Amino acid sequence: MKLIATLSASLILTACTTLDETVDSAPSTTIESARAVSDVVDCINSAWVLQATVQSSAIPGGQRLYTKDPGRIGPAHVAEIVQNGKGSIVRYWENTHQNAHEFEDPVMGCTRG
């Protein structure tokens, strides 16, 4: 009976570990479907950002599309990522010395389903 309990606990632990690794390795910057575009756009545009960019390998040369003010990233920009299936959304904050600090994927909550 003790052996069965040990095996059961081991299987449960293995299953949980595997699930955690799967979740952790999922790309947080990928927008999974086109239906999410408007939600992502709304989420980004409602965020307090000084400058936001959308970067996608669907854009020639992988260039970034910039917006200087909140509310300027539109569905066409996000669609670049959706159509290609990969890309990232990047936000910038500026400190008091006007130096831009780049944080990769701080809008993870906007892009994760």
PDB file of N, CA and C in Angstrom:
ATOM      1  N   MET A   1       0.828  -1.199   0.000  1.00  0.00           N
ATOM      2  CA  MET A   1       0.000   0.000   0.000  1.00  0.00           C
ATOM      3  C   MET A   1       0.878   1.271   0.000  1.00  0.00           C
ATOM      4  N   LYS A   2       1.966   1.193   0.782  1.00  0.00           N
ATOM      5  CA  LYS A   2       2.878   2.336   0.837  1.00  0.00           C
ATOM      6  C   LYS A   2       3.523   2.582  -0.531  1.00  0.00           C
ATOM      7  N   LEU A   3       3.833   1.500  -1.241  1.00  0.00           N
ATOM      8  CA  LEU A   3       4.432   1.609  -2.569  1.00  0.00           C
ATOM      9  C   LEU A   3       3.477   2.282  -3.549  1.00  0.00           C
ATOM     10  N   ILE A   4       2.207   1.926  -3.479  1.00  0.00           N
ATOM     11  CA  ILE A   4       1.194   2.529  -4.354  1.00  0.00           C
ATOM     12  C   ILE A   4       1.070   4.021  -4.068  1.00  0.00           C
ATOM     13  N   ALA A   5       1.047   4.386  -2.799  1.00  0.00           N
ATOM     14  CA  ALA A   5       0.950   5.802  -2.420  1.00  0.00           C
ATOM     15  C   ALA A   5       2.167   6.575  -2.918  1.00  0.00           C
ATOM     16  N   THR A   6       3.339   5.985  -2.801  1.00  0.00           N
ATOM     17  CA  THR A   6       4.568   6.638  -3.257  1.00  0.00           C
ATOM     18  C   THR A   6       4.555   6.820  -4.773  1.00  0.00           C
ATOM     19  N   LEU A   7       4.145   5.784  -5.488  1.00  0.00           N
ATOM     20  CA  LEU A   7       4.066   5.875  -6.946  1.00  0.00           C
ATOM     21  C   LEU A   7       3.044   6.918  -7.382  1.00  0.00           C
ATOM     22  N   SER A   8       1.904   6.950  -6.716  1.00  0.00           N
ATOM     23  CA  SER A   8       0.869   7.935  -7.049  1.00  0.00           C
ATOM     24  C   SER A   8       1.387   9.347  -6.841  1.00  0.00           C
ATOM     25  N   ALA A   9       2.028   9.573  -5.709  1.00  0.00           N
ATOM     26  CA  ALA A   9       2.578  10.901  -5.418  1.00  0.00           C
ATOM     27  C   ALA A   9       3.632  11.280  -6.448  1.00  0.00           C
ATOM     28  N   SER A  10       4.448  10.312  -6.839  1.00  0.00           N
ATOM     29  CA  SER A  10       5.491  10.565  -7.828  1.00  0.00           C
ATOM     30  C   SER A  10       4.899  10.930  -9.184  1.00  0.00           C
ATOM     31  N   LEU A  11       3.856  10.226  -9.588  1.00  0.00           N
ATOM     32  CA  LEU A  11       3.202  10.517 -10.867  1.00  0.00           C
ATOM     33  C   LEU A  11       2.556  11.893 -10.859  1.00  0.00           C
ATOM     34  N   ILE A  12       1.912  12.229  -9.750  1.00  0.00           N
ATOM     35  CA  ILE A  12       1.272  13.549  -9.645  1.00  0.00           C
ATOM     36  C   ILE A  12       2.331  14.640  -9.716  1.00  0.00           C
ATOM     37  N   LEU A  13       3.415  14.462  -8.992  1.00  0.00           N
ATOM     38  CA  LEU A  13       4.499  15.448  -8.997  1.00  0.00           C
ATOM     39  C   LEU A  13       5.088  15.600 -10.396  1.00  0.00           C
ATOM     40  N   THR A  14       5.295  14.487 -11.085  1.00  0.00           N
ATOM     41  CA  THR A  14       5.829  14.534 -12.451  1.00  0.00           C
ATOM     42  C   THR A  14       4.876  15.268 -13.381  1.00  0.00           C
ATOM     43  N   ALA A  15       3.594  14.987 -13.264  1.00  0.00           N
ATOM     44  CA  ALA A  15       2.593  15.641 -14.115  1.00  0.00           C
ATOM     45  C   ALA A  15       2.580  17.137 -13.873  1.00  0.00           C
ATOM     46  N   CYS A  16       2.641  17.546 -12.616  1.00  0.00           N
ATOM     47  CA  CYS A  16       2.630  18.977 -12.288  1.00  0.00           C
ATOM     48  C   CYS A  16       3.884  19.664 -12.802  1.00  0.00           C
ATOM     49  N   THR A  17       5.020  19.017 -12.635  1.00  0.00           N
ATOM     50  CA  THR A  17       6.278  19.595 -13.113  1.00  0.00           C
ATOM     51  C   THR A  17       6.252  19.767 -14.622  1.00  0.00           C
ATOM     52  N   THR A  18       5.763  18.757 -15.321  1.00  0.00           N
ATOM     53  CA  THR A  18       5.678  18.829 -16.782  1.00  0.00           C
ATOM     54  C   THR A  18       4.762  19.956 -17.214  1.00  0.00           C
ATOM     55  N   LEU A  19       3.631  20.099 -16.535  1.00  0.00           N
ATOM     56  CA  LEU A  19       2.681  21.166 -16.855  1.00  0.00           C
ATOM     57  C   LEU A  19       3.317  22.526 -16.631  1.00  0.00           C
ATOM     58  N   ASP A  20       4.015  22.701 -15.497  1.00  0.00           N
ATOM     59  CA  ASP A  20       4.677  23.973 -15.202  1.00  0.00           C
ATOM     60  C   ASP A  20       5.707  24.315 -16.267  1.00  0.00           C
ATOM     61  N   GLU A  21       6.499  23.338 -16.674  1.00  0.00           N
ATOM     62  CA  GLU A  21       7.523  23.588 -17.688  1.00  0.00           C
ATOM     63  C   GLU A  21       6.893  23.975 -19.018  1.00  0.00           C
ATOM     64  N   THR A  22       5.764  23.356 -19.341  1.00  0.00           N
ATOM     65  CA  THR A  22       5.070  23.680 -20.588  1.00  0.00           C
ATOM     66  C   THR A  22       4.575  25.109 -20.559  1.00  0.00           C
ATOM     67  N   VAL A  23       3.979  25.503 -19.440  1.00  0.00           N
ATOM     68  CA  VAL A  23       3.456  26.865 -19.307  1.00  0.00           C
ATOM     69  C   VAL A  23       4.592  27.871 -19.346  1.00  0.00           C
ATOM     70  N   ASP A  24       5.678  27.580 -18.607  1.00  0.00           N
ATOM     71  CA  ASP A  24       6.803  28.507 -18.549  1.00  0.00           C
ATOM     72  C   ASP A  24       7.482  28.684 -19.901  1.00  0.00           C
ATOM     73  N   SER A  25       7.501  27.638 -20.714  1.00  0.00           N
ATOM     74  CA  SER A  25       8.203  27.729 -21.987  1.00  0.00           C
ATOM     75  C   SER A  25       7.337  28.314 -23.100  1.00  0.00           C
ATOM     76  N   ALA A  26       6.052  28.532 -22.816  1.00  0.00           N
ATOM     77  CA  ALA A  26       5.163  29.099 -23.837  1.00  0.00           C
ATOM     78  C   ALA A  26       5.587  30.530 -24.131  1.00  0.00           C
ATOM     79  N   PRO A  27       5.685  30.907 -25.406  1.00  0.00           N
ATOM     80  CA  PRO A  27       6.092  32.279 -25.737  1.00  0.00           C
ATOM     81  C   PRO A  27       5.005  33.273 -25.349  1.00  0.00           C
ATOM     82  N   SER A  28       5.317  34.153 -24.428  1.00  0.00           N
ATOM     83  CA  SER A  28       4.300  35.071 -23.919  1.00  0.00           C
ATOM     84  C   SER A  28       4.005  36.205 -24.887  1.00  0.00           C
ATOM     85  N   THR A  29       4.875  36.419 -25.861  1.00  0.00           N
ATOM     86  CA  THR A  29       4.678  37.542 -26.769  1.00  0.00           C
ATOM     87  C   THR A  29       3.945  37.168 -28.046  1.00  0.00           C
ATOM     88  N   THR A  30       3.596  35.912 -28.201  1.00  0.00           N
ATOM     89  CA  THR A  30       2.891  35.502 -29.407  1.00  0.00           C
ATOM     90  C   THR A  30       1.398  35.692 -29.230  1.00  0.00           C
ATOM     91  N   ILE A  31       0.791  36.332 -30.196  1.00  0.00           N
ATOM     92  CA  ILE A  31      -0.660  36.483 -30.186  1.00  0.00           C
ATOM     93  C   ILE A  31      -1.216  35.299 -30.954  1.00  0.00           C
ATOM     94  N   GLU A  32      -2.029  34.500 -30.287  1.00  0.00           N
ATOM     95  CA  GLU A  32      -2.422  33.213 -30.845  1.00  0.00           C
ATOM     96  C   GLU A  32      -3.432  33.300 -31.982  1.00  0.00           C
ATOM     97  N   SER A  33      -4.343  34.251 -31.945  1.00  0.00           N
ATOM     98  CA  SER A  33      -5.374  34.280 -32.980  1.00  0.00           C
ATOM     99  C   SER A  33      -5.804  35.698 -33.293  1.00  0.00           C
ATOM    100  N   ALA A  34      -6.364  35.858 -34.479  1.00  0.00           N
ATOM    101  CA  ALA A  34      -6.776  37.188 -34.931  1.00  0.00           C
ATOM    102  C   ALA A  34      -7.889  37.762 -34.068  1.00  0.00           C
ATOM    103  N   ARG A  35      -8.694  36.902 -33.450  1.00  0.00           N
ATOM    104  CA  ARG A  35      -9.793  37.417 -32.632  1.00  0.00           C
ATOM    105  C   ARG A  35      -9.277  38.195 -31.422  1.00  0.00           C
ATOM    106  N   ALA A  36      -8.020  37.971 -31.076  1.00  0.00           N
ATOM    107  CA  ALA A  36      -7.445  38.661 -29.925  1.00  0.00           C
ATOM    108  C   ALA A  36      -6.921  40.045 -30.269  1.00  0.00           C
ATOM    109  N   VAL A  37      -6.881  40.388 -31.555  1.00  0.00           N
ATOM    110  CA  VAL A  37      -6.255  41.644 -31.978  1.00  0.00           C
ATOM    111  C   VAL A  37      -6.870  42.847 -31.287  1.00  0.00           C
ATOM    112  N   SER A  38      -8.183  42.985 -31.351  1.00  0.00           N
ATOM    113  CA  SER A  38      -8.808  44.186 -30.784  1.00  0.00           C
ATOM    114  C   SER A  38      -8.607  44.256 -29.278  1.00  0.00           C
ATOM    115  N   ASP A  39      -8.635  43.110 -28.602  1.00  0.00           N
ATOM    116  CA  ASP A  39      -8.408  43.101 -27.159  1.00  0.00           C
ATOM    117  C   ASP A  39      -6.989  43.537 -26.826  1.00  0.00           C
ATOM    118  N   VAL A  40      -6.041  43.064 -27.622  1.00  0.00           N
ATOM    119  CA  VAL A  40      -4.644  43.435 -27.390  1.00  0.00           C
ATOM    120  C   VAL A  40      -4.444  44.923 -27.639  1.00  0.00           C
ATOM    121  N   VAL A  41      -5.025  45.425 -28.720  1.00  0.00           N
ATOM    122  CA  VAL A  41      -4.912  46.852 -29.039  1.00  0.00           C
ATOM    123  C   VAL A  41      -5.499  47.686 -27.910  1.00  0.00           C
ATOM    124  N   ASP A  42      -6.682  47.317 -27.436  1.00  0.00           N
ATOM    125  CA  ASP A  42      -7.316  48.052 -26.337  1.00  0.00           C
ATOM    126  C   ASP A  42      -6.451  48.012 -25.089  1.00  0.00           C
ATOM    127  N   CYS A  43      -5.895  46.862 -24.815  1.00  0.00           N
ATOM    128  CA  CYS A  43      -5.062  46.698 -23.630  1.00  0.00           C
ATOM    129  C   CYS A  43      -3.820  47.581 -23.701  1.00  0.00           C
ATOM    130  N   ILE A  44      -3.160  47.568 -24.850  1.00  0.00           N
ATOM    131  CA  ILE A  44      -1.949  48.383 -25.021  1.00  0.00           C
ATOM    132  C   ILE A  44      -2.290  49.867 -24.934  1.00  0.00           C
ATOM    133  N   ASN A  45      -3.343  50.260 -25.633  1.00  0.00           N
ATOM    134  CA  ASN A  45      -3.682  51.676 -25.707  1.00  0.00           C
ATOM    135  C   ASN A  45      -4.209  52.234 -24.394  1.00  0.00           C
ATOM    136  N   SER A  46      -4.684  51.365 -23.517  1.00  0.00           N
ATOM    137  CA  SER A  46      -5.172  51.847 -22.233  1.00  0.00           C
ATOM    138  C   SER A  46      -4.050  51.905 -21.201  1.00  0.00           C
ATOM    139  N   ALA A  47      -2.903  51.348 -21.563  1.00  0.00           N
ATOM    140  CA  ALA A  47      -1.783  51.291 -20.628  1.00  0.00           C
ATOM    141  C   ALA A  47      -1.085  52.646 -20.544  1.00  0.00           C
ATOM    142  N   TRP A  48      -0.435  52.877 -19.418  1.00  0.00           N
ATOM    143  CA  TRP A  48       0.290  54.133 -19.246  1.00  0.00           C
ATOM    144  C   TRP A  48       1.676  53.965 -19.851  1.00  0.00           C
ATOM    145  N   VAL A  49       1.797  54.311 -21.102  1.00  0.00           N
ATOM    146  CA  VAL A  49       3.087  54.195 -21.773  1.00  0.00           C
ATOM    147  C   VAL A  49       3.478  55.539 -22.361  1.00  0.00           C
ATOM    148  N   LEU A  50       4.764  55.831 -22.295  1.00  0.00           N
ATOM    149  CA  LEU A  50       5.272  57.031 -22.952  1.00  0.00           C
ATOM    150  C   LEU A  50       5.595  56.719 -24.395  1.00  0.00           C
ATOM    151  N   GLN A  51       6.057  55.522 -24.612  1.00  0.00           N
ATOM    152  CA  GLN A  51       6.358  55.111 -25.977  1.00  0.00           C
ATOM    153  C   GLN A  51       6.178  53.600 -26.039  1.00  0.00           C
ATOM    154  N   ALA A  52       5.552  53.150 -27.071  1.00  0.00           N
ATOM    155  CA  ALA A  52       5.380  51.709 -27.235  1.00  0.00           C
ATOM    156  C   ALA A  52       5.787  51.336 -28.645  1.00  0.00           C
ATOM    157  N   THR A  53       6.236  50.131 -28.807  1.00  0.00           N
ATOM    158  CA  THR A  53       6.577  49.672 -30.147  1.00  0.00           C
ATOM    159  C   THR A  53       5.983  48.296 -30.371  1.00  0.00           C
ATOM    160  N   VAL A  54       5.716  48.014 -31.617  1.00  0.00           N
ATOM    161  CA  VAL A  54       5.375  46.659 -32.014  1.00  0.00           C
ATOM    162  C   VAL A  54       6.479  46.201 -32.946  1.00  0.00           C
ATOM    163  N   GLN A  55       7.051  45.068 -32.644  1.00  0.00           N
ATOM    164  CA  GLN A  55       8.136  44.537 -33.466  1.00  0.00           C
ATOM    165  C   GLN A  55       7.684  43.199 -34.022  1.00  0.00           C
ATOM    166  N   SER A  56       7.891  42.990 -35.286  1.00  0.00           N
ATOM    167  CA  SER A  56       7.489  41.724 -35.894  1.00  0.00           C
ATOM    168  C   SER A  56       8.434  41.363 -37.018  1.00  0.00           C
ATOM    169  N   SER A  57       8.724  40.085 -37.123  1.00  0.00           N
ATOM    170  CA  SER A  57       9.567  39.652 -38.237  1.00  0.00           C
ATOM    171  C   SER A  57       8.780  39.665 -39.541  1.00  0.00           C
ATOM    172  N   ALA A  58       7.475  39.918 -39.473  1.00  0.00           N
ATOM    173  CA  ALA A  58       6.670  40.069 -40.688  1.00  0.00           C
ATOM    174  C   ALA A  58       6.955  41.406 -41.354  1.00  0.00           C
ATOM    175  N   ILE A  59       7.510  42.340 -40.592  1.00  0.00           N
ATOM    176  CA  ILE A  59       7.846  43.655 -41.125  1.00  0.00           C
ATOM    177  C   ILE A  59       9.234  43.540 -41.757  1.00  0.00           C
ATOM    178  N   PRO A  60       9.415  44.059 -42.976  1.00  0.00           N
ATOM    179  CA  PRO A  60      10.717  43.937 -43.644  1.00  0.00           C
ATOM    180  C   PRO A  60      11.867  44.390 -42.748  1.00  0.00           C
ATOM    181  N   GLY A  61      12.870  43.551 -42.638  1.00  0.00           N
ATOM    182  CA  GLY A  61      14.025  43.881 -41.815  1.00  0.00           C
ATOM    183  C   GLY A  61      13.768  43.787 -40.330  1.00  0.00           C
ATOM    184  N   GLY A  62      12.571  43.337 -39.940  1.00  0.00           N
ATOM    185  CA  GLY A  62      12.244  43.238 -38.523  1.00  0.00           C
ATOM    186  C   GLY A  62      12.161  44.591 -37.846  1.00  0.00           C
ATOM    187  N   GLN A  63      11.915  45.640 -38.621  1.00  0.00           N
ATOM    188  CA  GLN A  63      11.897  46.983 -38.050  1.00  0.00           C
ATOM    189  C   GLN A  63      10.745  47.146 -37.072  1.00  0.00           C
ATOM    190  N   ARG A  64      10.846  48.157 -36.260  1.00  0.00           N
ATOM    191  CA  ARG A  64       9.825  48.414 -35.262  1.00  0.00           C
ATOM    192  C   ARG A  64       8.904  49.532 -35.724  1.00  0.00           C
ATOM    193  N   LEU A  65       7.655  49.400 -35.344  1.00  0.00           N
ATOM    194  CA  LEU A  65       6.687  50.467 -35.583  1.00  0.00           C
ATOM    195  C   LEU A  65       6.558  51.226 -34.270  1.00  0.00           C
ATOM    196  N   TYR A  66       6.782  52.512 -34.319  1.00  0.00           N
ATOM    197  CA  TYR A  66       6.809  53.296 -33.091  1.00  0.00           C
ATOM    198  C   TYR A  66       5.540  54.116 -32.905  1.00  0.00           C
ATOM    199  N   THR A  67       5.204  54.345 -31.674  1.00  0.00           N
ATOM    200  CA  THR A  67       4.161  55.307 -31.348  1.00  0.00           C
ATOM    201  C   THR A  67       4.659  56.121 -30.164  1.00  0.00           C
ATOM    202  N   LYS A  68       4.502  57.412 -30.235  1.00  0.00           N
ATOM    203  CA  LYS A  68       5.028  58.271 -29.171  1.00  0.00           C
ATOM    204  C   LYS A  68       3.998  58.518 -28.076  1.00  0.00           C
ATOM    205  N   ASP A  69       2.740  58.292 -28.376  1.00  0.00           N
ATOM    206  CA  ASP A  69       1.692  58.565 -27.402  1.00  0.00           C
ATOM    207  C   ASP A  69       0.799  57.346 -27.211  1.00  0.00           C
ATOM    208  N   PRO A  70       0.235  57.199 -26.005  1.00  0.00           N
ATOM    209  CA  PRO A  70      -0.712  56.110 -25.800  1.00  0.00           C
ATOM    210  C   PRO A  70      -1.883  56.245 -26.766  1.00  0.00           C
ATOM    211  N   GLY A  71      -2.437  55.144 -27.187  1.00  0.00           N
ATOM    212  CA  GLY A  71      -3.600  55.177 -28.065  1.00  0.00           C
ATOM    213  C   GLY A  71      -3.268  55.198 -29.539  1.00  0.00           C
ATOM    214  N   ARG A  72      -1.992  55.051 -29.897  1.00  0.00           N
ATOM    215  CA  ARG A  72      -1.599  55.170 -31.298  1.00  0.00           C
ATOM    216  C   ARG A  72      -1.306  53.839 -31.982  1.00  0.00           C
ATOM    217  N   ILE A  73      -1.224  52.745 -31.230  1.00  0.00           N
ATOM    218  CA  ILE A  73      -1.008  51.449 -31.872  1.00  0.00           C
ATOM    219  C   ILE A  73      -2.352  50.909 -32.304  1.00  0.00           C
ATOM    220  N   GLY A  74      -2.461  50.558 -33.570  1.00  0.00           N
ATOM    221  CA  GLY A  74      -3.736  50.106 -34.105  1.00  0.00           C
ATOM    222  C   GLY A  74      -3.741  48.649 -34.507  1.00  0.00           C
ATOM    223  N   PRO A  75      -4.901  48.177 -34.948  1.00  0.00           N
ATOM    224  CA  PRO A  75      -5.047  46.772 -35.338  1.00  0.00           C
ATOM    225  C   PRO A  75      -4.086  46.337 -36.439  1.00  0.00           C
ATOM    226  N   ALA A  76      -3.747  47.234 -37.358  1.00  0.00           N
ATOM    227  CA  ALA A  76      -2.838  46.865 -38.450  1.00  0.00           C
ATOM    228  C   ALA A  76      -1.463  46.499 -37.903  1.00  0.00           C
ATOM    229  N   HIS A  77      -1.018  47.214 -36.889  1.00  0.00           N
ATOM    230  CA  HIS A  77       0.285  46.923 -36.296  1.00  0.00           C
ATOM    231  C   HIS A  77       0.270  45.562 -35.615  1.00  0.00           C
ATOM    232  N   VAL A  78      -0.761  45.332 -34.823  1.00  0.00           N
ATOM    233  CA  VAL A  78      -0.856  44.070 -34.102  1.00  0.00           C
ATOM    234  C   VAL A  78      -1.073  42.925 -35.079  1.00  0.00           C
ATOM    235  N   ALA A  79      -1.800  43.196 -36.160  1.00  0.00           N
ATOM    236  CA  ALA A  79      -2.064  42.162 -37.165  1.00  0.00           C
ATOM    237  C   ALA A  79      -0.776  41.655 -37.796  1.00  0.00           C
ATOM    238  N   GLU A  80       0.254  42.488 -37.849  1.00  0.00           N
ATOM    239  CA  GLU A  80       1.546  42.043 -38.372  1.00  0.00           C
ATOM    240  C   GLU A  80       2.042  40.842 -37.570  1.00  0.00           C
ATOM    241  N   ILE A  81       1.832  40.900 -36.271  1.00  0.00           N
ATOM    242  CA  ILE A  81       2.266  39.807 -35.411  1.00  0.00           C
ATOM    243  C   ILE A  81       1.346  38.608 -35.584  1.00  0.00           C
ATOM    244  N   VAL A  82       0.051  38.866 -35.646  1.00  0.00           N
ATOM    245  CA  VAL A  82      -0.922  37.784 -35.768  1.00  0.00           C
ATOM    246  C   VAL A  82      -0.702  36.993 -37.050  1.00  0.00           C
ATOM    247  N   GLN A  83      -0.495  37.708 -38.165  1.00  0.00           N
ATOM    248  CA  GLN A  83      -0.339  37.043 -39.455  1.00  0.00           C
ATOM    249  C   GLN A  83       0.924  36.195 -39.503  1.00  0.00           C
ATOM    250  N   ASN A  84       1.951  36.658 -38.849  1.00  0.00           N
ATOM    251  CA  ASN A  84       3.217  35.941 -38.876  1.00  0.00           C
ATOM    252  C   ASN A  84       3.308  34.896 -37.770  1.00  0.00           C
ATOM    253  N   GLY A  85       2.474  35.041 -36.758  1.00  0.00           N
ATOM    254  CA  GLY A  85       2.472  34.085 -35.662  1.00  0.00           C
ATOM    255  C   GLY A  85       3.550  34.302 -34.630  1.00  0.00           C
ATOM    256  N   LYS A  86       4.366  35.337 -34.811  1.00  0.00           N
ATOM    257  CA  LYS A  86       5.376  35.617 -33.803  1.00  0.00           C
ATOM    258  C   LYS A  86       5.766  37.082 -33.870  1.00  0.00           C
ATOM    259  N   GLY A  87       6.401  37.527 -32.853  1.00  0.00           N
ATOM    260  CA  GLY A  87       6.783  38.926 -32.765  1.00  0.00           C
ATOM    261  C   GLY A  87       6.726  39.328 -31.309  1.00  0.00           C
ATOM    262  N   SER A  88       6.978  40.556 -31.029  1.00  0.00           N
ATOM    263  CA  SER A  88       6.921  40.976 -29.641  1.00  0.00           C
ATOM    264  C   SER A  88       6.388  42.386 -29.538  1.00  0.00           C
ATOM    265  N   ILE A  89       5.810  42.649 -28.414  1.00  0.00           N
ATOM    266  CA  ILE A  89       5.355  43.996 -28.118  1.00  0.00           C
ATOM    267  C   ILE A  89       6.257  44.501 -27.007  1.00  0.00           C
ATOM    268  N   VAL A  90       6.805  45.665 -27.207  1.00  0.00           N
ATOM    269  CA  VAL A  90       7.802  46.208 -26.297  1.00  0.00           C
ATOM    270  C   VAL A  90       7.317  47.552 -25.781  1.00  0.00           C
ATOM    271  N   ARG A  91       7.525  47.803 -24.505  1.00  0.00           N
ATOM    272  CA  ARG A  91       7.186  49.113 -23.959  1.00  0.00           C
ATOM    273  C   ARG A  91       8.452  49.804 -23.467  1.00  0.00           C
ATOM    274  N   TYR A  92       8.405  51.102 -23.523  1.00  0.00           N
ATOM    275  CA  TYR A  92       9.524  51.907 -23.050  1.00  0.00           C
ATOM    276  C   TYR A  92       9.029  52.889 -21.985  1.00  0.00           C
ATOM    277  N   TRP A  93       9.850  53.119 -21.004  1.00  0.00           N
ATOM    278  CA  TRP A  93       9.611  54.218 -20.088  1.00  0.00           C
ATOM    279  C   TRP A  93      10.829  55.122 -20.141  1.00  0.00           C
ATOM    280  N   GLU A  94      10.631  56.400 -19.941  1.00  0.00           N
ATOM    281  CA  GLU A  94      11.765  57.316 -19.887  1.00  0.00           C
ATOM    282  C   GLU A  94      11.926  57.799 -18.455  1.00  0.00           C
ATOM    283  N   ASN A  95      13.168  57.827 -18.012  1.00  0.00           N
ATOM    284  CA  ASN A  95      13.394  58.326 -16.664  1.00  0.00           C
ATOM    285  C   ASN A  95      13.584  59.844 -16.703  1.00  0.00           C
ATOM    286  N   THR A  96      13.873  60.427 -15.568  1.00  0.00           N
ATOM    287  CA  THR A  96      13.964  61.891 -15.484  1.00  0.00           C
ATOM    288  C   THR A  96      15.130  62.455 -16.285  1.00  0.00           C
ATOM    289  N   HIS A  97      16.085  61.608 -16.636  1.00  0.00           N
ATOM    290  CA  HIS A  97      17.228  62.070 -17.430  1.00  0.00           C
ATOM    291  C   HIS A  97      17.007  61.847 -18.919  1.00  0.00           C
ATOM    292  N   GLN A  98      15.787  61.525 -19.298  1.00  0.00           N
ATOM    293  CA  GLN A  98      15.421  61.314 -20.701  1.00  0.00           C
ATOM    294  C   GLN A  98      16.130  60.117 -21.338  1.00  0.00           C
ATOM    295  N   ASN A  99      16.581  59.200 -20.518  1.00  0.00           N
ATOM    296  CA  ASN A  99      17.170  57.977 -21.058  1.00  0.00           C
ATOM    297  C   ASN A  99      16.083  56.916 -21.163  1.00  0.00           C
ATOM    298  N   ALA A 100      15.960  56.335 -22.317  1.00  0.00           N
ATOM    299  CA  ALA A 100      14.922  55.320 -22.509  1.00  0.00           C
ATOM    300  C   ALA A 100      15.368  53.998 -21.901  1.00  0.00           C
ATOM    301  N   HIS A 101      14.485  53.420 -21.135  1.00  0.00           N
ATOM    302  CA  HIS A 101      14.725  52.091 -20.581  1.00  0.00           C
ATOM    303  C   HIS A 101      13.799  51.120 -21.290  1.00  0.00           C
ATOM    304  N   GLU A 102      14.353  50.099 -21.861  1.00  0.00           N
ATOM    305  CA  GLU A 102      13.565  49.143 -22.620  1.00  0.00           C
ATOM    306  C   GLU A 102      13.324  47.903 -21.764  1.00  0.00           C
ATOM    307  N   PHE A 103      12.074  47.513 -21.676  1.00  0.00           N
ATOM    308  CA  PHE A 103      11.703  46.320 -20.944  1.00  0.00           C
ATOM    309  C   PHE A 103      11.026  45.375 -21.914  1.00  0.00           C
ATOM    310  N   GLU A 104      11.623  44.232 -22.155  1.00  0.00           N
ATOM    311  CA  GLU A 104      11.022  43.274 -23.071  1.00  0.00           C
ATOM    312  C   GLU A 104       9.771  42.678 -22.434  1.00  0.00           C
ATOM    313  N   ASP A 105       8.705  42.693 -23.165  1.00  0.00           N
ATOM    314  CA  ASP A 105       7.468  42.021 -22.812  1.00  0.00           C
ATOM    315  C   ASP A 105       6.844  42.415 -21.476  1.00  0.00           C
ATOM    316  N   PRO A 106       6.808  43.687 -21.110  1.00  0.00           N
ATOM    317  CA  PRO A 106       6.063  44.038 -19.907  1.00  0.00           C
ATOM    318  C   PRO A 106       4.566  44.064 -20.150  1.00  0.00           C
ATOM    319  N   VAL A 107       4.129  43.945 -21.400  1.00  0.00           N
ATOM    320  CA  VAL A 107       2.697  43.878 -21.687  1.00  0.00           C
ATOM    321  C   VAL A 107       2.277  42.430 -21.897  1.00  0.00           C
ATOM    322  N   MET A 108       2.966  41.543 -21.208  1.00  0.00           N
ATOM    323  CA  MET A 108       2.672  40.122 -21.297  1.00  0.00           C
ATOM    324  C   MET A 108       1.186  39.850 -21.062  1.00  0.00           C
ATOM    325  N   GLY A 109       0.595  40.583 -20.132  1.00  0.00           N
ATOM    326  CA  GLY A 109      -0.824  40.391 -19.843  1.00  0.00           C
ATOM    327  C   GLY A 109      -1.715  40.749 -21.015  1.00  0.00           C
ATOM    328  N   CYS A 110      -1.225  41.603 -21.907  1.00  0.00           N
ATOM    329  CA  CYS A 110      -2.015  41.966 -23.085  1.00  0.00           C
ATOM    330  C   CYS A 110      -1.966  40.877 -24.141  1.00  0.00           C
ATOM    331  N   THR A 111      -0.867  40.148 -24.197  1.00  0.00           N
ATOM    332  CA  THR A 111      -0.687  39.197 -25.286  1.00  0.00           C
ATOM    333  C   THR A 111      -0.986  37.759 -24.899  1.00  0.00           C
ATOM    334  N   ARG A 112      -1.069  37.497 -23.627  1.00  0.00           N
ATOM    335  CA  ARG A 112      -1.316  36.117 -23.189  1.00  0.00           C
ATOM    336  C   ARG A 112      -2.814  35.878 -23.096  1.00  0.00           C
ATOM    337  N   GLY A 113      -3.271  34.758 -23.602  1.00  0.00           N
ATOM    338  CA  GLY A 113      -4.694  34.462 -23.687  1.00  0.00           C
ATOM    339  C   GLY A 113      -5.381  34.175 -22.401  1.00  0.00           C
TER     340      GLY A 113
END
